[in-house]
Every structure is written in C-alpha cells, then in structure tokens.
Amino acid sequence: MRFFDRNTIAYAKITIDPGDKDHRYITEELGYTAAPVIILRFTSGANPHTVHWGGHRMDMLMATKSLVTNIRAAVETETADEAAQVPA
C-alpha cells in the first residue's frame, strides 16, 4: 500500500475473512494460499482482463507504476490535443 500511496496509484484494500466470498475467490479461483494478493482489473477497451500476483513482487509493482505513468501521459496528451482543436 505504501508503494501505491507514494506513486499516487489508486487502490482498494480488501480485508478477507476465512470462508467469505473474497477469500473463496482468492483461494479457490486464483489459487493463492497467502496474502498479499494484488489484483489489477483492466476494464476499459475492447479486451478487459485481470492480472494478479501474490507477495511483494517489486518487478510487478514497477511494471504497474510504468503502466500507470504511460496511461497518465496518454490521457494528458489526448486532453491537450482536444483542447487545441476547440475554436477560441
């Protein structure tokens, strides 16, 4: 969570209890036996999908940071392009 906070990446912390639906999803559907489990859901675009991993994997965290940085840059460029097209 500190990594996401330091890099201003929004997240939702979910506390699970043995047997609840989130616990069943993580253990039965995803196959994890220990926390933390990081789940990224990409819902926009033509091909929504989910990426997940267990543990504090710095390689995956850095890849997430890079992805978020690239998305932010693309959005800023798109916003600037749209503003340039608006007649004064």
N, C-alpha and C. Protein backbone atom coordinates (compact mmCIF):
# COMPACT_ATOMS: atom_id res chain seq x y z
N MET A 1 0.83 -1.19 0.00
CA MET A 1 0.00 0.00 0.00
C MET A 1 0.88 1.25 0.00
N ARG A 2 2.00 1.19 0.70
CA ARG A 2 2.90 2.35 0.70
C ARG A 2 3.40 2.65 -0.70
N PHE A 3 3.71 1.60 -1.48
CA PHE A 3 4.16 1.80 -2.85
C PHE A 3 3.10 2.53 -3.66
N PHE A 4 1.86 2.08 -3.57
CA PHE A 4 0.78 2.71 -4.31
C PHE A 4 0.56 4.14 -3.83
N ASP A 5 0.63 4.36 -2.53
CA ASP A 5 0.48 5.72 -1.99
C ASP A 5 1.58 6.64 -2.50
N ARG A 6 2.84 6.19 -2.43
CA ARG A 6 3.98 7.01 -2.88
C ARG A 6 3.88 7.37 -4.35
N ASN A 7 3.29 6.50 -5.13
CA ASN A 7 3.19 6.72 -6.57
C ASN A 7 1.81 7.19 -7.02
N THR A 8 1.02 7.63 -6.07
CA THR A 8 -0.35 8.12 -6.30
C THR A 8 -1.14 7.22 -7.25
N ILE A 9 -1.14 5.94 -6.92
CA ILE A 9 -1.91 4.94 -7.66
C ILE A 9 -3.09 4.53 -6.78
N ALA A 10 -4.28 4.75 -7.28
CA ALA A 10 -5.48 4.42 -6.51
C ALA A 10 -5.60 2.92 -6.32
N TYR A 11 -6.10 2.51 -5.17
CA TYR A 11 -6.29 1.09 -4.88
C TYR A 11 -7.40 0.94 -3.86
N ALA A 12 -7.87 -0.27 -3.74
CA ALA A 12 -8.85 -0.61 -2.71
C ALA A 12 -8.28 -1.75 -1.89
N LYS A 13 -8.17 -1.55 -0.60
CA LYS A 13 -7.70 -2.61 0.29
C LYS A 13 -8.92 -3.42 0.71
N ILE A 14 -8.82 -4.72 0.53
CA ILE A 14 -9.92 -5.59 0.91
C ILE A 14 -9.41 -6.54 1.99
N THR A 15 -10.04 -6.49 3.13
CA THR A 15 -9.71 -7.40 4.22
C THR A 15 -10.61 -8.63 4.08
N ILE A 16 -9.98 -9.79 4.06
CA ILE A 16 -10.77 -11.01 3.86
C ILE A 16 -10.86 -11.80 5.17
N ASP A 17 -11.93 -12.50 5.31
CA ASP A 17 -12.14 -13.40 6.43
C ASP A 17 -12.29 -14.81 5.88
N PRO A 18 -11.74 -15.80 6.58
CA PRO A 18 -11.85 -17.18 6.09
C PRO A 18 -13.30 -17.55 5.75
N GLY A 19 -13.47 -18.04 4.54
CA GLY A 19 -14.79 -18.51 4.12
C GLY A 19 -15.64 -17.48 3.41
N ASP A 20 -15.28 -16.18 3.51
CA ASP A 20 -16.12 -15.19 2.83
C ASP A 20 -15.88 -15.24 1.32
N LYS A 21 -16.69 -14.52 0.55
CA LYS A 21 -16.62 -14.62 -0.91
C LYS A 21 -15.27 -14.17 -1.45
N ASP A 22 -14.65 -13.16 -0.86
CA ASP A 22 -13.34 -12.71 -1.33
C ASP A 22 -12.27 -13.75 -1.04
N HIS A 23 -12.36 -14.40 0.12
CA HIS A 23 -11.41 -15.47 0.48
C HIS A 23 -11.56 -16.65 -0.48
N ARG A 24 -12.79 -17.02 -0.77
CA ARG A 24 -13.03 -18.12 -1.72
C ARG A 24 -12.51 -17.77 -3.10
N TYR A 25 -12.70 -16.53 -3.53
CA TYR A 25 -12.21 -16.11 -4.85
C TYR A 25 -10.69 -16.22 -4.91
N ILE A 26 -10.01 -15.72 -3.90
CA ILE A 26 -8.53 -15.73 -3.89
C ILE A 26 -7.98 -17.15 -3.78
N THR A 27 -8.60 -17.98 -2.95
CA THR A 27 -8.06 -19.33 -2.75
C THR A 27 -8.54 -20.33 -3.79
N GLU A 28 -9.83 -20.32 -4.08
CA GLU A 28 -10.39 -21.33 -4.98
C GLU A 28 -10.23 -20.97 -6.45
N GLU A 29 -10.52 -19.72 -6.79
CA GLU A 29 -10.46 -19.34 -8.21
C GLU A 29 -9.05 -18.97 -8.65
N LEU A 30 -8.33 -18.21 -7.81
CA LEU A 30 -6.99 -17.78 -8.19
C LEU A 30 -5.90 -18.71 -7.69
N GLY A 31 -6.18 -19.49 -6.64
CA GLY A 31 -5.22 -20.49 -6.18
C GLY A 31 -4.19 -20.03 -5.17
N TYR A 32 -4.37 -18.87 -4.55
CA TYR A 32 -3.39 -18.37 -3.58
C TYR A 32 -3.68 -18.90 -2.19
N THR A 33 -2.61 -19.08 -1.42
CA THR A 33 -2.75 -19.57 -0.04
C THR A 33 -2.23 -18.57 0.98
N ALA A 34 -1.65 -17.46 0.52
CA ALA A 34 -1.10 -16.46 1.44
C ALA A 34 -1.34 -15.06 0.87
N ALA A 35 -1.36 -14.09 1.76
CA ALA A 35 -1.53 -12.69 1.38
C ALA A 35 -0.17 -11.99 1.44
N PRO A 36 0.00 -10.89 0.77
CA PRO A 36 -1.00 -10.17 0.00
C PRO A 36 -1.15 -10.74 -1.41
N VAL A 37 -2.31 -10.48 -1.97
CA VAL A 37 -2.57 -10.79 -3.37
C VAL A 37 -2.95 -9.47 -4.04
N ILE A 38 -2.26 -9.14 -5.10
CA ILE A 38 -2.53 -7.91 -5.85
C ILE A 38 -3.31 -8.31 -7.09
N ILE A 39 -4.43 -7.63 -7.31
CA ILE A 39 -5.27 -7.91 -8.47
C ILE A 39 -5.49 -6.60 -9.21
N LEU A 40 -5.09 -6.57 -10.47
CA LEU A 40 -5.33 -5.41 -11.33
C LEU A 40 -6.41 -5.78 -12.32
N ARG A 41 -7.44 -4.95 -12.39
CA ARG A 41 -8.52 -5.20 -13.35
C ARG A 41 -8.49 -4.10 -14.39
N PHE A 42 -8.31 -4.50 -15.63
CA PHE A 42 -8.34 -3.58 -16.76
C PHE A 42 -9.70 -3.71 -17.40
N THR A 43 -10.53 -2.70 -17.24
CA THR A 43 -11.93 -2.83 -17.66
C THR A 43 -12.27 -2.01 -18.89
N SER A 44 -11.41 -1.09 -19.30
CA SER A 44 -11.74 -0.31 -20.49
C SER A 44 -11.11 -0.94 -21.72
N GLY A 45 -11.58 -0.50 -22.86
CA GLY A 45 -11.05 -1.04 -24.09
C GLY A 45 -11.83 -2.25 -24.55
N ALA A 46 -11.39 -2.80 -25.67
CA ALA A 46 -12.10 -3.91 -26.29
C ALA A 46 -11.82 -5.25 -25.62
N ASN A 47 -10.74 -5.33 -24.82
CA ASN A 47 -10.34 -6.61 -24.25
C ASN A 47 -10.08 -6.49 -22.74
N PRO A 48 -11.14 -6.37 -21.92
CA PRO A 48 -10.92 -6.26 -20.48
C PRO A 48 -10.32 -7.56 -19.92
N HIS A 49 -9.40 -7.42 -18.98
CA HIS A 49 -8.79 -8.61 -18.38
C HIS A 49 -8.24 -8.29 -17.00
N THR A 50 -7.80 -9.33 -16.30
CA THR A 50 -7.30 -9.22 -14.94
C THR A 50 -5.89 -9.79 -14.87
N VAL A 51 -5.03 -9.11 -14.13
CA VAL A 51 -3.67 -9.58 -13.85
C VAL A 51 -3.55 -9.68 -12.34
N HIS A 52 -2.93 -10.75 -11.84
CA HIS A 52 -2.79 -10.89 -10.40
C HIS A 52 -1.50 -11.59 -10.06
N TRP A 53 -1.03 -11.33 -8.83
CA TRP A 53 0.17 -11.99 -8.32
C TRP A 53 0.14 -11.98 -6.81
N GLY A 54 0.91 -12.87 -6.22
CA GLY A 54 0.99 -12.96 -4.77
C GLY A 54 2.32 -12.42 -4.27
N GLY A 55 2.29 -11.80 -3.12
CA GLY A 55 3.51 -11.32 -2.49
C GLY A 55 3.92 -9.94 -2.94
N HIS A 56 5.01 -9.48 -2.35
CA HIS A 56 5.55 -8.15 -2.64
C HIS A 56 6.56 -8.25 -3.77
N ARG A 57 6.07 -8.35 -4.98
CA ARG A 57 6.94 -8.51 -6.16
C ARG A 57 7.27 -7.15 -6.73
N MET A 58 8.49 -6.70 -6.46
CA MET A 58 8.89 -5.38 -6.92
C MET A 58 8.87 -5.27 -8.44
N ASP A 59 9.16 -6.36 -9.16
CA ASP A 59 9.11 -6.30 -10.62
C ASP A 59 7.70 -5.98 -11.11
N MET A 60 6.72 -6.58 -10.49
CA MET A 60 5.34 -6.34 -10.90
C MET A 60 4.87 -4.96 -10.46
N LEU A 61 5.30 -4.52 -9.28
CA LEU A 61 4.94 -3.19 -8.81
C LEU A 61 5.54 -2.12 -9.72
N MET A 62 6.79 -2.31 -10.13
CA MET A 62 7.43 -1.33 -11.02
C MET A 62 6.76 -1.34 -12.40
N ALA A 63 6.36 -2.50 -12.87
CA ALA A 63 5.64 -2.58 -14.15
C ALA A 63 4.30 -1.86 -14.04
N THR A 64 3.63 -1.99 -12.91
CA THR A 64 2.37 -1.30 -12.68
C THR A 64 2.59 0.20 -12.68
N LYS A 65 3.64 0.65 -12.00
CA LYS A 65 3.96 2.09 -11.96
C LYS A 65 4.21 2.60 -13.38
N SER A 66 4.97 1.86 -14.17
CA SER A 66 5.27 2.26 -15.53
C SER A 66 3.99 2.34 -16.37
N LEU A 67 3.13 1.35 -16.23
CA LEU A 67 1.87 1.33 -16.95
C LEU A 67 1.01 2.54 -16.59
N VAL A 68 0.89 2.83 -15.31
CA VAL A 68 0.09 3.97 -14.86
C VAL A 68 0.68 5.28 -15.39
N THR A 69 2.00 5.39 -15.35
CA THR A 69 2.67 6.60 -15.87
C THR A 69 2.37 6.77 -17.36
N ASN A 70 2.44 5.69 -18.12
CA ASN A 70 2.15 5.76 -19.56
C ASN A 70 0.69 6.12 -19.83
N ILE A 71 -0.20 5.57 -19.05
CA ILE A 71 -1.64 5.88 -19.23
C ILE A 71 -1.88 7.35 -18.92
N ARG A 72 -1.29 7.84 -17.83
CA ARG A 72 -1.46 9.25 -17.47
C ARG A 72 -0.92 10.16 -18.57
N ALA A 73 0.24 9.83 -19.13
CA ALA A 73 0.83 10.64 -20.20
C ALA A 73 -0.08 10.64 -21.43
N ALA A 74 -0.63 9.48 -21.77
CA ALA A 74 -1.52 9.38 -22.93
C ALA A 74 -2.78 10.21 -22.72
N VAL A 75 -3.32 10.17 -21.51
CA VAL A 75 -4.53 10.95 -21.22
C VAL A 75 -4.22 12.45 -21.29
N GLU A 76 -3.08 12.86 -20.75
CA GLU A 76 -2.70 14.27 -20.82
C GLU A 76 -2.51 14.72 -22.26
N THR A 77 -1.88 13.89 -23.09
CA THR A 77 -1.68 14.22 -24.50
C THR A 77 -3.02 14.33 -25.21
N GLU A 78 -3.90 13.38 -24.95
CA GLU A 78 -5.23 13.39 -25.58
C GLU A 78 -6.00 14.63 -25.16
N THR A 79 -5.94 14.99 -23.89
CA THR A 79 -6.64 16.16 -23.38
C THR A 79 -6.08 17.42 -24.03
N ALA A 80 -4.75 17.51 -24.15
CA ALA A 80 -4.13 18.67 -24.78
C ALA A 80 -4.52 18.76 -26.25
N ASP A 81 -4.55 17.63 -26.94
CA ASP A 81 -4.95 17.60 -28.36
C ASP A 81 -6.38 18.07 -28.52
N GLU A 82 -7.27 17.62 -27.65
CA GLU A 82 -8.67 18.03 -27.72
C GLU A 82 -8.82 19.52 -27.44
N ALA A 83 -8.05 20.04 -26.49
CA ALA A 83 -8.12 21.46 -26.17
C ALA A 83 -7.62 22.31 -27.34
N ALA A 84 -6.63 21.81 -28.06
CA ALA A 84 -6.07 22.54 -29.20
C ALA A 84 -7.07 22.59 -30.35
N GLN A 85 -7.99 21.65 -30.42
CA GLN A 85 -8.95 21.59 -31.51
C GLN A 85 -10.18 22.46 -31.27
N VAL A 86 -10.35 22.93 -30.05
CA VAL A 86 -11.52 23.75 -29.71
C VAL A 86 -11.28 25.16 -30.22
N PRO A 87 -12.19 25.68 -31.06
CA PRO A 87 -12.00 27.05 -31.57
C PRO A 87 -12.11 28.07 -30.44
N ALA A 88 -11.30 29.09 -30.51
CA ALA A 88 -11.30 30.14 -29.47
C ALA A 88 -12.45 31.08 -29.65
